[in-house]
Every structure is written in structure tokens, then in C-alpha cells.
Amino acid sequence: MLLVKQQKVQRHESTCICGEHAEFRYGTRDFFIGTRKITVQNIPHFYCSRCNKAYYDSNLPVDKLLRYAYLNNMDEIDWNNKERYI
């Protein structure tokens, strides 16, 4: 049996739950774990201007990056440097 590594292809289009087109962006987003705010810079996300909401691809390891930042008492972390942390 030949095992093939799963390809991780990043989507560049998405539809919001409201039905509108969600635009692909890179930007800074704030996440809250309890009362603690962790800012992630340069994170890829989809943004719906109608709902004013950001959505993330389920393949992104956002939770792992936030866990690292939380456990290391970091208030800010850069997505572009995620290989250093996770």
C-alpha cells in the first residue's frame, strides 16, 4: 500500500454563512482565552464585510499557536513565525 501525504491547499475564496462572498485577507486578529487577549499578526482569514466577521480555514493550526502563546505568557504572536512555535 502506498501512503500519500495529505496535500494542504489553501483556499482563496469562501462564502459567508450570510451568503455573501468572504474576501481572503492577511491581518491582525485578537483572540480571547478567558480574560486574556492574544493578538495574532499576519494570520490568513476570510472576511465578510456584510457581517463584519472573520472566518478561518479549518486546516490552519490556530489553536496550536494560541496554546503556545498562552502557555508561554505571550500577548502577541506572528503567524509568519509559527514554525518556531508549533
Protein backbone atom coordinates (compact mmCIF):
# COMPACT_ATOMS: atom_id res chain seq x y z
CA MET A 1 0.00 0.00 0.00
CA LEU A 2 1.30 3.43 -0.92
CA LEU A 3 0.60 6.21 1.54
CA VAL A 4 0.49 9.73 0.18
CA LYS A 5 0.92 12.76 2.38
CA GLN A 6 -2.28 14.80 2.53
CA GLN A 7 -1.97 17.94 0.46
CA LYS A 8 -2.76 21.15 2.25
CA VAL A 9 -4.10 23.58 -0.31
CA GLN A 10 -5.07 26.98 0.99
CA ARG A 11 -8.41 28.24 -0.27
CA HIS A 12 -8.63 31.79 -1.59
CA GLU A 13 -12.42 32.00 -1.87
CA SER A 14 -15.21 31.33 0.56
CA THR A 15 -18.87 32.08 1.07
CA CYS A 16 -20.01 33.51 4.39
CA ILE A 17 -22.90 31.94 6.28
CA CYS A 18 -24.94 35.01 5.32
CA GLY A 19 -24.49 34.06 1.64
CA GLU A 20 -22.13 36.90 0.70
CA HIS A 21 -18.62 36.45 -0.69
CA ALA A 22 -15.94 36.40 2.02
CA GLU A 23 -12.69 38.08 0.96
CA PHE A 24 -9.34 36.38 1.63
CA ARG A 25 -7.01 38.56 3.70
CA TYR A 26 -3.95 38.57 5.91
CA GLY A 27 -4.24 40.67 9.00
CA THR A 28 -4.09 41.07 12.74
CA ARG A 29 -6.80 39.43 14.83
CA ASP A 30 -7.44 39.31 18.58
CA PHE A 31 -8.40 36.10 20.36
CA PHE A 32 -9.58 35.77 23.94
CA ILE A 33 -8.78 32.82 26.17
CA GLY A 34 -10.73 33.52 29.31
CA THR A 35 -9.97 37.14 30.10
CA ARG A 36 -6.60 37.07 28.35
CA LYS A 37 -6.22 38.67 24.93
CA ILE A 38 -3.71 37.21 22.47
CA THR A 39 -3.05 39.12 19.25
CA VAL A 40 -2.03 37.09 16.19
CA GLN A 41 -0.37 39.13 13.45
CA ASN A 42 -0.40 38.26 9.73
CA ILE A 43 -2.97 35.48 10.06
CA PRO A 44 -4.74 34.36 6.86
CA HIS A 45 -8.51 34.59 7.14
CA PHE A 46 -11.72 35.22 5.24
CA TYR A 47 -13.55 38.45 5.98
CA CYS A 48 -17.20 39.20 5.30
CA SER A 49 -17.83 42.95 5.02
CA ARG A 50 -21.58 42.44 5.38
CA CYS A 51 -21.31 40.60 8.73
CA ASN A 52 -18.03 42.23 9.80
CA LYS A 53 -16.78 38.75 10.79
CA ALA A 54 -13.54 36.85 10.22
CA TYR A 55 -13.50 33.13 9.44
CA TYR A 56 -10.54 30.75 9.45
CA ASP A 57 -9.81 27.70 7.34
CA SER A 58 -10.20 24.57 9.47
CA ASN A 59 -6.78 23.33 8.27
CA LEU A 60 -4.97 26.22 9.97
CA PRO A 61 -3.33 25.28 13.29
CA VAL A 62 -4.65 28.41 15.03
CA ASP A 63 -5.41 26.51 18.24
CA LYS A 64 -1.83 25.19 18.48
CA LEU A 65 -0.38 28.67 18.03
CA LEU A 66 -2.74 30.15 20.62
CA ARG A 67 -1.93 27.33 23.05
CA TYR A 68 1.78 28.04 22.69
CA ALA A 69 1.27 31.77 23.21
CA TYR A 70 -0.98 31.18 26.23
CA LEU A 71 1.37 28.69 27.94
CA ASN A 72 4.35 30.99 27.35
CA ASN A 73 2.57 34.14 28.60
CA MET A 74 2.76 35.86 25.22
CA ASP A 75 0.28 38.64 24.46
CA GLU A 76 1.25 38.80 20.78
CA ILE A 77 2.49 36.27 18.23
CA ASP A 78 3.25 36.43 14.49
CA TRP A 79 1.67 33.82 12.20
CA ASN A 80 4.64 34.09 9.82
CA ASN A 81 6.90 32.67 12.55
CA LYS A 82 4.61 29.78 13.51
CA GLU A 83 7.24 27.16 12.58
CA ARG A 84 9.30 28.36 15.56
CA TYR A 85 6.47 27.65 17.97
CA ILE A 86 4.50 24.65 16.73
